[in-house]
Amino acid sequence: MLASEPDHPILPAGFAVDIDHVDGEQALILVSGEMDLYAAPFVEERVAEARAAGARQVMLDLSAVTFMDSSGLGVLVNQLKEFRALGGDLTLRAPSPQTRKVLEITGLDRTIPIVP
């Protein structure tokens, strides 16, 4: 059972993270809901799964993220370091307005590539 399935006993209510696809060395991961202390480890787990499947370029779609705290930011920074150490990269796609504001305040919008 995937952690993003609605009947998962541990998954925070209203939160989902799914590997949309892994195509060669590229992967797309969709995240929705609050990316906080409780949910951030699920994101990290999915990104690690994509990396284990051979992905070196991972895009996180954050368009449906409604809130992100320092735990979510920590996952982004840690995963960015992991991928860059492997010669890969982490990209963010279409962060929600709330998420974009957090990225701008912290300066991560200048460190992690963001695409529309």
PDB file of N, CA and C in Angstrom:
ATOM      1  N   MET A   1       0.847  -1.170   0.000  1.00  0.00           N
ATOM      2  CA  MET A   1       0.000   0.000   0.000  1.00  0.00           C
ATOM      3  C   MET A   1       0.895   1.235   0.000  1.00  0.00           C
ATOM      4  N   LEU A   2       0.638   2.188  -0.885  1.00  0.00           N
ATOM      5  CA  LEU A   2       1.395   3.418  -0.942  1.00  0.00           C
ATOM      6  C   LEU A   2       0.954   4.363   0.157  1.00  0.00           C
ATOM      7  N   ALA A   3       1.884   5.163   0.632  1.00  0.00           N
ATOM      8  CA  ALA A   3       1.566   6.118   1.701  1.00  0.00           C
ATOM      9  C   ALA A   3       0.558   7.154   1.256  1.00  0.00           C
ATOM     10  N   SER A   4       0.412   7.358  -0.051  1.00  0.00           N
ATOM     11  CA  SER A   4      -0.502   8.381  -0.534  1.00  0.00           C
ATOM     12  C   SER A   4      -1.930   7.872  -0.709  1.00  0.00           C
ATOM     13  N   GLU A   5      -2.159   6.588  -0.505  1.00  0.00           N
ATOM     14  CA  GLU A   5      -3.511   6.064  -0.632  1.00  0.00           C
ATOM     15  C   GLU A   5      -4.375   6.592   0.501  1.00  0.00           C
ATOM     16  N   PRO A   6      -5.624   6.952   0.210  1.00  0.00           N
ATOM     17  CA  PRO A   6      -6.459   7.598   1.204  1.00  0.00           C
ATOM     18  C   PRO A   6      -6.702   6.803   2.475  1.00  0.00           C
ATOM     19  N   ASP A   7      -6.628   5.484   2.429  1.00  0.00           N
ATOM     20  CA  ASP A   7      -6.903   4.694   3.618  1.00  0.00           C
ATOM     21  C   ASP A   7      -5.636   4.319   4.391  1.00  0.00           C
ATOM     22  N   HIS A   8      -4.503   4.938   4.050  1.00  0.00           N
ATOM     23  CA  HIS A   8      -3.261   4.672   4.762  1.00  0.00           C
ATOM     24  C   HIS A   8      -3.439   5.115   6.213  1.00  0.00           C
ATOM     25  N   PRO A   9      -3.110   4.275   7.170  1.00  0.00           N
ATOM     26  CA  PRO A   9      -3.386   4.588   8.573  1.00  0.00           C
ATOM     27  C   PRO A   9      -2.547   5.725   9.172  1.00  0.00           C
ATOM     28  N   ILE A  10      -1.432   6.093   8.551  1.00  0.00           N
ATOM     29  CA  ILE A  10      -0.547   7.084   9.151  1.00  0.00           C
ATOM     30  C   ILE A  10      -0.587   8.420   8.402  1.00  0.00           C
ATOM     31  N   LEU A  11      -0.971   8.420   7.167  1.00  0.00           N
ATOM     32  CA  LEU A  11      -0.914   9.616   6.335  1.00  0.00           C
ATOM     33  C   LEU A  11      -1.765  10.739   6.900  1.00  0.00           C
ATOM     34  N   PRO A  12      -1.212  11.957   6.974  1.00  0.00           N
ATOM     35  CA  PRO A  12      -2.008  13.087   7.471  1.00  0.00           C
ATOM     36  C   PRO A  12      -3.240  13.331   6.596  1.00  0.00           C
ATOM     37  N   ALA A  13      -4.332  13.700   7.220  1.00  0.00           N
ATOM     38  CA  ALA A  13      -5.567  13.979   6.482  1.00  0.00           C
ATOM     39  C   ALA A  13      -5.334  15.105   5.486  1.00  0.00           C
ATOM     40  N   GLY A  14      -5.821  14.921   4.275  1.00  0.00           N
ATOM     41  CA  GLY A  14      -5.712  15.942   3.248  1.00  0.00           C
ATOM     42  C   GLY A  14      -4.354  16.043   2.584  1.00  0.00           C
ATOM     43  N   PHE A  15      -3.447  15.126   2.882  1.00  0.00           N
ATOM     44  CA  PHE A  15      -2.105  15.159   2.313  1.00  0.00           C
ATOM     45  C   PHE A  15      -1.914  13.982   1.372  1.00  0.00           C
ATOM     46  N   ALA A  16      -1.223  14.227   0.268  1.00  0.00           N
ATOM     47  CA  ALA A  16      -0.886  13.153  -0.671  1.00  0.00           C
ATOM     48  C   ALA A  16       0.456  13.451  -1.315  1.00  0.00           C
ATOM     49  N   VAL A  17       1.197  12.405  -1.604  1.00  0.00           N
ATOM     50  CA  VAL A  17       2.448  12.525  -2.354  1.00  0.00           C
ATOM     51  C   VAL A  17       2.566  11.268  -3.210  1.00  0.00           C
ATOM     52  N   ASP A  18       2.651  11.478  -4.515  1.00  0.00           N
ATOM     53  CA  ASP A  18       2.676  10.362  -5.453  1.00  0.00           C
ATOM     54  C   ASP A  18       3.784  10.544  -6.477  1.00  0.00           C
ATOM     55  N   ILE A  19       4.456   9.456  -6.807  1.00  0.00           N
ATOM     56  CA  ILE A  19       5.390   9.482  -7.924  1.00  0.00           C
ATOM     57  C   ILE A  19       4.522   9.350  -9.169  1.00  0.00           C
ATOM     58  N   ASP A  20       4.438  10.429  -9.932  1.00  0.00           N
ATOM     59  CA  ASP A  20       3.618  10.424 -11.137  1.00  0.00           C
ATOM     60  C   ASP A  20       4.247   9.536 -12.192  1.00  0.00           C
ATOM     61  N   HIS A  21       5.535   9.684 -12.400  1.00  0.00           N
ATOM     62  CA  HIS A  21       6.243   8.792 -13.319  1.00  0.00           C
ATOM     63  C   HIS A  21       7.749   8.899 -13.115  1.00  0.00           C
ATOM     64  N   VAL A  22       8.426   7.843 -13.470  1.00  0.00           N
ATOM     65  CA  VAL A  22       9.878   7.843 -13.551  1.00  0.00           C
ATOM     66  C   VAL A  22      10.196   7.408 -14.974  1.00  0.00           C
ATOM     67  N   ASP A  23      10.896   8.273 -15.693  1.00  0.00           N
ATOM     68  CA  ASP A  23      11.201   8.016 -17.094  1.00  0.00           C
ATOM     69  C   ASP A  23      12.710   8.137 -17.267  1.00  0.00           C
ATOM     70  N   GLY A  24      13.382   7.006 -17.261  1.00  0.00           N
ATOM     71  CA  GLY A  24      14.833   7.041 -17.336  1.00  0.00           C
ATOM     72  C   GLY A  24      15.398   7.675 -16.084  1.00  0.00           C
ATOM     73  N   GLU A  25      16.101   8.783 -16.257  1.00  0.00           N
ATOM     74  CA  GLU A  25      16.698   9.463 -15.120  1.00  0.00           C
ATOM     75  C   GLU A  25      15.838  10.609 -14.606  1.00  0.00           C
ATOM     76  N   GLN A  26      14.608  10.747 -15.103  1.00  0.00           N
ATOM     77  CA  GLN A  26      13.732  11.838 -14.682  1.00  0.00           C
ATOM     78  C   GLN A  26      12.501  11.309 -13.969  1.00  0.00           C
ATOM     79  N   ALA A  27      12.068  12.059 -12.959  1.00  0.00           N
ATOM     80  CA  ALA A  27      10.858  11.670 -12.216  1.00  0.00           C
ATOM     81  C   ALA A  27      10.048  12.920 -11.894  1.00  0.00           C
ATOM     82  N   LEU A  28       8.730  12.729 -11.839  1.00  0.00           N
ATOM     83  CA  LEU A  28       7.810  13.786 -11.429  1.00  0.00           C
ATOM     84  C   LEU A  28       7.070  13.298 -10.201  1.00  0.00           C
ATOM     85  N   ILE A  29       7.101  14.104  -9.135  1.00  0.00           N
ATOM     86  CA  ILE A  29       6.422  13.754  -7.891  1.00  0.00           C
ATOM     87  C   ILE A  29       5.413  14.842  -7.575  1.00  0.00           C
ATOM     88  N   LEU A  30       4.160  14.438  -7.351  1.00  0.00           N
ATOM     89  CA  LEU A  30       3.081  15.365  -7.052  1.00  0.00           C
ATOM     90  C   LEU A  30       2.848  15.412  -5.549  1.00  0.00           C
ATOM     91  N   VAL A  31       2.805  16.628  -4.996  1.00  0.00           N
ATOM     92  CA  VAL A  31       2.595  16.811  -3.564  1.00  0.00           C
ATOM     93  C   VAL A  31       1.375  17.706  -3.384  1.00  0.00           C
ATOM     94  N   SER A  32       0.479  17.321  -2.453  1.00  0.00           N
ATOM     95  CA  SER A  32      -0.672  18.181  -2.169  1.00  0.00           C
ATOM     96  C   SER A  32      -0.972  18.175  -0.674  1.00  0.00           C
ATOM     97  N   GLY A  33      -1.507  19.293  -0.198  1.00  0.00           N
ATOM     98  CA  GLY A  33      -1.836  19.435   1.210  1.00  0.00           C
ATOM     99  C   GLY A  33      -0.741  20.166   1.959  1.00  0.00           C
ATOM    100  N   GLU A  34      -0.683  19.954   3.256  1.00  0.00           N
ATOM    101  CA  GLU A  34       0.285  20.636   4.112  1.00  0.00           C
ATOM    102  C   GLU A  34       1.580  19.843   4.219  1.00  0.00           C
ATOM    103  N   MET A  35       2.666  20.477   3.841  1.00  0.00           N
ATOM    104  CA  MET A  35       3.989  19.848   3.915  1.00  0.00           C
ATOM    105  C   MET A  35       4.653  20.344   5.197  1.00  0.00           C
ATOM    106  N   ASP A  36       4.301  19.674   6.300  1.00  0.00           N
ATOM    107  CA  ASP A  36       4.756  20.098   7.621  1.00  0.00           C
ATOM    108  C   ASP A  36       5.579  18.991   8.276  1.00  0.00           C
ATOM    109  N   LEU A  37       5.820  19.146   9.557  1.00  0.00           N
ATOM    110  CA  LEU A  37       6.634  18.189  10.315  1.00  0.00           C
ATOM    111  C   LEU A  37       6.145  16.756  10.148  1.00  0.00           C
ATOM    112  N   TYR A  38       4.841  16.575  10.121  1.00  0.00           N
ATOM    113  CA  TYR A  38       4.281  15.238  10.033  1.00  0.00           C
ATOM    114  C   TYR A  38       4.326  14.675   8.613  1.00  0.00           C
ATOM    115  N   ALA A  39       4.114  15.529   7.620  1.00  0.00           N
ATOM    116  CA  ALA A  39       4.020  15.066   6.233  1.00  0.00           C
ATOM    117  C   ALA A  39       5.368  15.041   5.502  1.00  0.00           C
ATOM    118  N   ALA A  40       6.312  15.880   5.908  1.00  0.00           N
ATOM    119  CA  ALA A  40       7.579  15.992   5.193  1.00  0.00           C
ATOM    120  C   ALA A  40       8.310  14.650   5.016  1.00  0.00           C
ATOM    121  N   PRO A  41       8.316  13.760   6.014  1.00  0.00           N
ATOM    122  CA  PRO A  41       8.999  12.474   5.806  1.00  0.00           C
ATOM    123  C   PRO A  41       8.404  11.641   4.663  1.00  0.00           C
ATOM    124  N   PHE A  42       7.113  11.797   4.395  1.00  0.00           N
ATOM    125  CA  PHE A  42       6.502  11.067   3.282  1.00  0.00           C
ATOM    126  C   PHE A  42       7.040  11.582   1.953  1.00  0.00           C
ATOM    127  N   VAL A  43       7.278  12.886   1.865  1.00  0.00           N
ATOM    128  CA  VAL A  43       7.857  13.466   0.647  1.00  0.00           C
ATOM    129  C   VAL A  43       9.274  12.942   0.476  1.00  0.00           C
ATOM    130  N   GLU A  44      10.027  12.983   1.553  1.00  0.00           N
ATOM    131  CA  GLU A  44      11.407  12.492   1.499  1.00  0.00           C
ATOM    132  C   GLU A  44      11.448  11.017   1.069  1.00  0.00           C
ATOM    133  N   GLU A  45      10.518  10.229   1.563  1.00  0.00           N
ATOM    134  CA  GLU A  45      10.442   8.812   1.208  1.00  0.00           C
ATOM    135  C   GLU A  45      10.181   8.618  -0.285  1.00  0.00           C
ATOM    136  N   ARG A  46       9.264   9.400  -0.844  1.00  0.00           N
ATOM    137  CA  ARG A  46       8.947   9.270  -2.277  1.00  0.00           C
ATOM    138  C   ARG A  46      10.127   9.708  -3.138  1.00  0.00           C
ATOM    139  N   VAL A  47      10.798  10.780  -2.724  1.00  0.00           N
ATOM    140  CA  VAL A  47      11.959  11.247  -3.486  1.00  0.00           C
ATOM    141  C   VAL A  47      13.060  10.183  -3.435  1.00  0.00           C
ATOM    142  N   ALA A  48      13.263   9.582  -2.291  1.00  0.00           N
ATOM    143  CA  ALA A  48      14.260   8.510  -2.163  1.00  0.00           C
ATOM    144  C   ALA A  48      13.894   7.313  -3.038  1.00  0.00           C
ATOM    145  N   GLU A  49      12.606   6.995  -3.127  1.00  0.00           N
ATOM    146  CA  GLU A  49      12.158   5.907  -4.007  1.00  0.00           C
ATOM    147  C   GLU A  49      12.485   6.217  -5.460  1.00  0.00           C
ATOM    148  N   ALA A  50      12.250   7.460  -5.873  1.00  0.00           N
ATOM    149  CA  ALA A  50      12.557   7.846  -7.259  1.00  0.00           C
ATOM    150  C   ALA A  50      14.057   7.755  -7.511  1.00  0.00           C
ATOM    151  N   ARG A  51      14.846   8.215  -6.551  1.00  0.00           N
ATOM    152  CA  ARG A  51      16.304   8.142  -6.698  1.00  0.00           C
ATOM    153  C   ARG A  51      16.755   6.684  -6.782  1.00  0.00           C
ATOM    154  N   ALA A  52      16.178   5.815  -5.956  1.00  0.00           N
ATOM    155  CA  ALA A  52      16.520   4.389  -5.976  1.00  0.00           C
ATOM    156  C   ALA A  52      16.130   3.735  -7.304  1.00  0.00           C
ATOM    157  N   ALA A  53      15.105   4.297  -7.953  1.00  0.00           N
ATOM    158  CA  ALA A  53      14.667   3.772  -9.252  1.00  0.00           C
ATOM    159  C   ALA A  53      15.529   4.310 -10.391  1.00  0.00           C
ATOM    160  N   GLY A  54      16.522   5.138 -10.066  1.00  0.00           N
ATOM    161  CA  GLY A  54      17.450   5.629 -11.074  1.00  0.00           C
ATOM    162  C   GLY A  54      17.277   7.084 -11.465  1.00  0.00           C
ATOM    163  N   ALA A  55      16.313   7.764 -10.900  1.00  0.00           N
ATOM    164  CA  ALA A  55      16.091   9.171 -11.251  1.00  0.00           C
ATOM    165  C   ALA A  55      17.230  10.038 -10.713  1.00  0.00           C
ATOM    166  N   ARG A  56      17.731  10.898 -11.555  1.00  0.00           N
ATOM    167  CA  ARG A  56      18.754  11.855 -11.164  1.00  0.00           C
ATOM    168  C   ARG A  56      18.248  13.287 -11.333  1.00  0.00           C
ATOM    169  N   GLN A  57      17.144  13.440 -12.026  1.00  0.00           N
ATOM    170  CA  GLN A  57      16.483  14.730 -12.202  1.00  0.00           C
ATOM    171  C   GLN A  57      15.056  14.560 -11.688  1.00  0.00           C
ATOM    172  N   VAL A  58      14.755  15.159 -10.550  1.00  0.00           N
ATOM    173  CA  VAL A  58      13.426  15.021  -9.962  1.00  0.00           C
ATOM    174  C   VAL A  58      12.739  16.372  -9.924  1.00  0.00           C
ATOM    175  N   MET A  59      11.494  16.376 -10.372  1.00  0.00           N
ATOM    176  CA  MET A  59      10.681  17.575 -10.303  1.00  0.00           C
ATOM    177  C   MET A  59       9.572  17.342  -9.295  1.00  0.00           C
ATOM    178  N   LEU A  60       9.460  18.257  -8.328  1.00  0.00           N
ATOM    179  CA  LEU A  60       8.380  18.203  -7.347  1.00  0.00           C
ATOM    180  C   LEU A  60       7.319  19.208  -7.761  1.00  0.00           C
ATOM    181  N   ASP A  61       6.121  18.722  -8.053  1.00  0.00           N
ATOM    182  CA  ASP A  61       4.997  19.605  -8.368  1.00  0.00           C
ATOM    183  C   ASP A  61       4.388  20.048  -7.050  1.00  0.00           C
ATOM    184  N   LEU A  62       4.504  21.342  -6.739  1.00  0.00           N
ATOM    185  CA  LEU A  62       4.018  21.885  -5.478  1.00  0.00           C
ATOM    186  C   LEU A  62       2.781  22.761  -5.677  1.00  0.00           C
ATOM    187  N   SER A  63       2.117  22.615  -6.798  1.00  0.00           N
ATOM    188  CA  SER A  63       0.969  23.477  -7.106  1.00  0.00           C
ATOM    189  C   SER A  63      -0.191  23.290  -6.135  1.00  0.00           C
ATOM    190  N   ALA A  64      -0.286  22.136  -5.502  1.00  0.00           N
ATOM    191  CA  ALA A  64      -1.396  21.868  -4.575  1.00  0.00           C
ATOM    192  C   ALA A  64      -0.952  21.868  -3.109  1.00  0.00           C
ATOM    193  N   VAL A  65       0.244  22.376  -2.832  1.00  0.00           N
ATOM    194  CA  VAL A  65       0.709  22.474  -1.445  1.00  0.00           C
ATOM    195  C   VAL A  65       0.094  23.733  -0.836  1.00  0.00           C
ATOM    196  N   THR A  66      -0.625  23.548   0.259  1.00  0.00           N
ATOM    197  CA  THR A  66      -1.331  24.658   0.894  1.00  0.00           C
ATOM    198  C   THR A  66      -0.550  25.309   2.024  1.00  0.00           C
ATOM    199  N   PHE A  67       0.487  24.633   2.526  1.00  0.00           N
ATOM    200  CA  PHE A  67       1.274  25.144   3.639  1.00  0.00           C
ATOM    201  C   PHE A  67       2.602  24.413   3.648  1.00  0.00           C
ATOM    202  N   MET A  68       3.675  25.145   3.966  1.00  0.00           N
ATOM    203  CA  MET A  68       4.982  24.506   4.116  1.00  0.00           C
ATOM    204  C   MET A  68       5.700  25.161   5.284  1.00  0.00           C
ATOM    205  N   ASP A  69       6.179  24.328   6.218  1.00  0.00           N
ATOM    206  CA  ASP A  69       6.946  24.851   7.344  1.00  0.00           C
ATOM    207  C   ASP A  69       8.424  24.499   7.159  1.00  0.00           C
ATOM    208  N   SER A  70       9.214  24.728   8.193  1.00  0.00           N
ATOM    209  CA  SER A  70      10.657  24.491   8.107  1.00  0.00           C
ATOM    210  C   SER A  70      10.995  23.025   7.842  1.00  0.00           C
ATOM    211  N   SER A  71      10.121  22.119   8.235  1.00  0.00           N
ATOM    212  CA  SER A  71      10.365  20.689   7.965  1.00  0.00           C
ATOM    213  C   SER A  71      10.298  20.423   6.468  1.00  0.00           C
ATOM    214  N   GLY A  72       9.319  21.010   5.808  1.00  0.00           N
ATOM    215  CA  GLY A  72       9.206  20.874   4.357  1.00  0.00           C
ATOM    216  C   GLY A  72      10.387  21.507   3.654  1.00  0.00           C
ATOM    217  N   LEU A  73      10.794  22.690   4.119  1.00  0.00           N
ATOM    218  CA  LEU A  73      11.962  23.349   3.540  1.00  0.00           C
ATOM    219  C   LEU A  73      13.211  22.502   3.737  1.00  0.00           C
ATOM    220  N   GLY A  74      13.324  21.881   4.900  1.00  0.00           N
ATOM    221  CA  GLY A  74      14.468  21.019   5.174  1.00  0.00           C
ATOM    222  C   GLY A  74      14.553  19.849   4.209  1.00  0.00           C
ATOM    223  N   VAL A  75      13.406  19.265   3.880  1.00  0.00           N
ATOM    224  CA  VAL A  75      13.384  18.167   2.907  1.00  0.00           C
ATOM    225  C   VAL A  75      13.893  18.660   1.557  1.00  0.00           C
ATOM    226  N   LEU A  76      13.434  19.831   1.135  1.00  0.00           N
ATOM    227  CA  LEU A  76      13.870  20.368  -0.155  1.00  0.00           C
ATOM    228  C   LEU A  76      15.385  20.576  -0.179  1.00  0.00           C
ATOM    229  N   VAL A  77      15.924  21.173   0.879  1.00  0.00           N
ATOM    230  CA  VAL A  77      17.365  21.433   0.940  1.00  0.00           C
ATOM    231  C   VAL A  77      18.153  20.124   0.979  1.00  0.00           C
ATOM    232  N   ASN A  78      17.734  19.187   1.812  1.00  0.00           N
ATOM    233  CA  ASN A  78      18.438  17.902   1.915  1.00  0.00           C
ATOM    234  C   ASN A  78      18.422  17.148   0.596  1.00  0.00           C
ATOM    235  N   GLN A  79      17.264  17.117  -0.055  1.00  0.00           N
ATOM    236  CA  GLN A  79      17.168  16.387  -1.320  1.00  0.00           C
ATOM    237  C   GLN A  79      17.952  17.079  -2.429  1.00  0.00           C
ATOM    238  N   LEU A  80      17.957  18.399  -2.419  1.00  0.00           N
ATOM    239  CA  LEU A  80      18.759  19.137  -3.396  1.00  0.00           C
ATOM    240  C   LEU A  80      20.229  18.754  -3.250  1.00  0.00           C
ATOM    241  N   LYS A  81      20.725  18.711  -2.021  1.00  0.00           N
ATOM    242  CA  LYS A  81      22.117  18.313  -1.768  1.00  0.00           C
ATOM    243  C   LYS A  81      22.379  16.889  -2.247  1.00  0.00           C
ATOM    244  N   GLU A  82      21.440  15.974  -1.937  1.00  0.00           N
ATOM    245  CA  GLU A  82      21.598  14.570  -2.345  1.00  0.00           C
ATOM    246  C   GLU A  82      21.728  14.449  -3.865  1.00  0.00           C
ATOM    247  N   PHE A  83      20.814  15.113  -4.582  1.00  0.00           N
ATOM    248  CA  PHE A  83      20.828  14.998  -6.040  1.00  0.00           C
ATOM    249  C   PHE A  83      22.057  15.663  -6.653  1.00  0.00           C
ATOM    250  N   ARG A  84      22.423  16.805  -6.151  1.00  0.00           N
ATOM    251  CA  ARG A  84      23.589  17.498  -6.709  1.00  0.00           C
ATOM    252  C   ARG A  84      24.867  16.714  -6.431  1.00  0.00           C
ATOM    253  N   ALA A  85      24.930  16.012  -5.309  1.00  0.00           N
ATOM    254  CA  ALA A  85      26.096  15.163  -5.016  1.00  0.00           C
ATOM    255  C   ALA A  85      26.200  14.018  -6.021  1.00  0.00           C
ATOM    256  N   LEU A  86      25.057  13.611  -6.596  1.00  0.00           N
ATOM    257  CA  LEU A  86      25.036  12.533  -7.586  1.00  0.00           C
ATOM    258  C   LEU A  86      25.134  13.060  -9.014  1.00  0.00           C
ATOM    259  N   GLY A  87      25.306  14.372  -9.154  1.00  0.00           N
ATOM    260  CA  GLY A  87      25.363  14.967 -10.486  1.00  0.00           C
ATOM    261  C   GLY A  87      23.988  15.238 -11.061  1.00  0.00           C
ATOM    262  N   GLY A  88      22.974  15.202 -10.228  1.00  0.00           N
ATOM    263  CA  GLY A  88      21.605  15.452 -10.677  1.00  0.00           C
ATOM    264  C   GLY A  88      21.092  16.779 -10.153  1.00  0.00           C
ATOM    265  N   ASP A  89      19.763  16.922 -10.141  1.00  0.00           N
ATOM    266  CA  ASP A  89      19.176  18.161  -9.651  1.00  0.00           C
ATOM    267  C   ASP A  89      17.737  17.939  -9.224  1.00  0.00           C
ATOM    268  N   LEU A  90      17.271  18.853  -8.417  1.00  0.00           N
ATOM    269  CA  LEU A  90      15.891  18.886  -7.956  1.00  0.00           C
ATOM    270  C   LEU A  90      15.292  20.184  -8.472  1.00  0.00           C
ATOM    271  N   THR A  91      14.097  20.087  -9.061  1.00  0.00           N
ATOM    272  CA  THR A  91      13.397  21.245  -9.593  1.00  0.00           C
ATOM    273  C   THR A  91      12.008  21.290  -8.975  1.00  0.00           C
ATOM    274  N   LEU A  92      11.502  22.498  -8.753  1.00  0.00           N
ATOM    275  CA  LEU A  92      10.148  22.682  -8.238  1.00  0.00           C
ATOM    276  C   LEU A  92       9.261  23.186  -9.363  1.00  0.00           C
ATOM    277  N   ARG A  93       8.062  22.618  -9.454  1.00  0.00           N
ATOM    278  CA  ARG A  93       7.129  23.039 -10.500  1.00  0.00           C
ATOM    279  C   ARG A  93       5.922  23.718  -9.872  1.00  0.00           C
ATOM    280  N   ALA A  94       5.616  24.895 -10.368  1.00  0.00           N
ATOM    281  CA  ALA A  94       4.386  25.620 -10.069  1.00  0.00           C
ATOM    282  C   ALA A  94       4.026  25.676  -8.590  1.00  0.00           C
ATOM    283  N   PRO A  95       4.944  26.157  -7.733  1.00  0.00           N
ATOM    284  CA  PRO A  95       4.576  26.224  -6.317  1.00  0.00           C
ATOM    285  C   PRO A  95       3.342  27.115  -6.126  1.00  0.00           C
ATOM    286  N   SER A  96       2.477  26.710  -5.218  1.00  0.00           N
ATOM    287  CA  SER A  96       1.295  27.505  -4.904  1.00  0.00           C
ATOM    288  C   SER A  96       1.755  28.870  -4.394  1.00  0.00           C
ATOM    289  N   PRO A  97       0.883  29.876  -4.426  1.00  0.00           N
ATOM    290  CA  PRO A  97       1.280  31.200  -3.932  1.00  0.00           C
ATOM    291  C   PRO A  97       1.822  31.178  -2.497  1.00  0.00           C
ATOM    292  N   GLN A  98       1.200  30.388  -1.629  1.00  0.00           N
ATOM    293  CA  GLN A  98       1.666  30.301  -0.240  1.00  0.00           C
ATOM    294  C   GLN A  98       3.077  29.710  -0.170  1.00  0.00           C
ATOM    295  N   THR A  99       3.295  28.669  -0.951  1.00  0.00           N
ATOM    296  CA  THR A  99       4.594  28.002  -0.958  1.00  0.00           C
ATOM    297  C   THR A  99       5.650  28.888  -1.592  1.00  0.00           C
ATOM    298  N   ARG A 100       5.294  29.559  -2.682  1.00  0.00           N
ATOM    299  CA  ARG A 100       6.242  30.452  -3.342  1.00  0.00           C
ATOM    300  C   ARG A 100       6.704  31.548  -2.385  1.00  0.00           C
ATOM    301  N   LYS A 101       5.784  32.077  -1.584  1.00  0.00           N
ATOM    302  CA  LYS A 101       6.145  33.127  -0.635  1.00  0.00           C
ATOM    303  C   LYS A 101       7.187  32.628   0.370  1.00  0.00           C
ATOM    304  N   VAL A 102       7.003  31.412   0.877  1.00  0.00           N
ATOM    305  CA  VAL A 102       7.967  30.823   1.815  1.00  0.00           C
ATOM    306  C   VAL A 102       9.316  30.639   1.125  1.00  0.00           C
ATOM    307  N   LEU A 103       9.303  30.182  -0.112  1.00  0.00           N
ATOM    308  CA  LEU A 103      10.549  29.993  -0.855  1.00  0.00           C
ATOM    309  C   LEU A 103      11.258  31.324  -1.066  1.00  0.00           C
ATOM    310  N   GLU A 104      10.499  32.372  -1.350  1.00  0.00           N
ATOM    311  CA  GLU A 104      11.088  33.695  -1.550  1.00  0.00           C
ATOM    312  C   GLU A 104      11.654  34.258  -0.251  1.00  0.00           C
ATOM    313  N   ILE A 105      10.913  34.134   0.847  1.00  0.00           N
ATOM    314  CA  ILE A 105      11.366  34.656   2.140  1.00  0.00           C
ATOM    315  C   ILE A 105      12.675  33.993   2.565  1.00  0.00           C
ATOM    316  N   THR A 106      12.789  32.703   2.317  1.00  0.00           N
ATOM    317  CA  THR A 106      13.986  31.961   2.725  1.00  0.00           C
ATOM    318  C   THR A 106      15.129  32.037   1.713  1.00  0.00           C
ATOM    319  N   GLY A 107      14.850  32.545   0.527  1.00  0.00           N
ATOM    320  CA  GLY A 107      15.866  32.627  -0.519  1.00  0.00           C
ATOM    321  C   GLY A 107      16.039  31.346  -1.313  1.00  0.00           C
ATOM    322  N   LEU A 108      15.251  30.332  -1.004  1.00  0.00           N
ATOM    323  CA  LEU A 108      15.378  29.069  -1.740  1.00  0.00           C
ATOM    324  C   LEU A 108      14.939  29.208  -3.199  1.00  0.00           C
ATOM    325  N   ASP A 109      14.141  30.217  -3.497  1.00  0.00           N
ATOM    326  CA  ASP A 109      13.736  30.431  -4.885  1.00  0.00           C
ATOM    327  C   ASP A 109      14.933  30.800  -5.761  1.00  0.00           C
ATOM    328  N   ARG A 110      16.040  31.232  -5.143  1.00  0.00           N
ATOM    329  CA  ARG A 110      17.259  31.537  -5.890  1.00  0.00           C
ATOM    330  C   ARG A 110      18.239  30.373  -5.905  1.00  0.00           C
ATOM    331  N   THR A 111      17.946  29.325  -5.131  1.00  0.00           N
ATOM    332  CA  THR A 111      18.833  28.168  -5.019  1.00  0.00           C
ATOM    333  C   THR A 111      18.289  26.954  -5.767  1.00  0.00           C
ATOM    334  N   ILE A 112      16.990  26.740  -5.645  1.00  0.00           N
ATOM    335  CA  ILE A 112      16.348  25.586  -6.296  1.00  0.00           C
ATOM    336  C   ILE A 112      15.627  26.086  -7.540  1.00  0.00           C
ATOM    337  N   PRO A 113      15.911  25.488  -8.703  1.00  0.00           N
ATOM    338  CA  PRO A 113      15.223  25.911  -9.920  1.00  0.00           C
ATOM    339  C   PRO A 113      13.703  25.739  -9.802  1.00  0.00           C
ATOM    340  N   ILE A 114      12.974  26.750 -10.262  1.00  0.00           N
ATOM    341  CA  ILE A 114      11.508  26.721 -10.246  1.00  0.00           C
ATOM    342  C   ILE A 114      11.017  26.936 -11.673  1.00  0.00           C
ATOM    343  N   VAL A 115      10.119  26.065 -12.106  1.00  0.00           N
ATOM    344  CA  VAL A 115       9.508  26.200 -13.427  1.00  0.00           C
ATOM    345  C   VAL A 115       7.995  26.382 -13.259  1.00  0.00           C
ATOM    346  N   PRO A 116       7.383  27.077 -14.223  1.00  0.00           N
ATOM    347  CA  PRO A 116       5.918  27.298 -14.120  1.00  0.00           C
ATOM    348  C   PRO A 116       5.115  26.020 -14.248  1.00  0.00           C
TER     349      PRO A 116
END
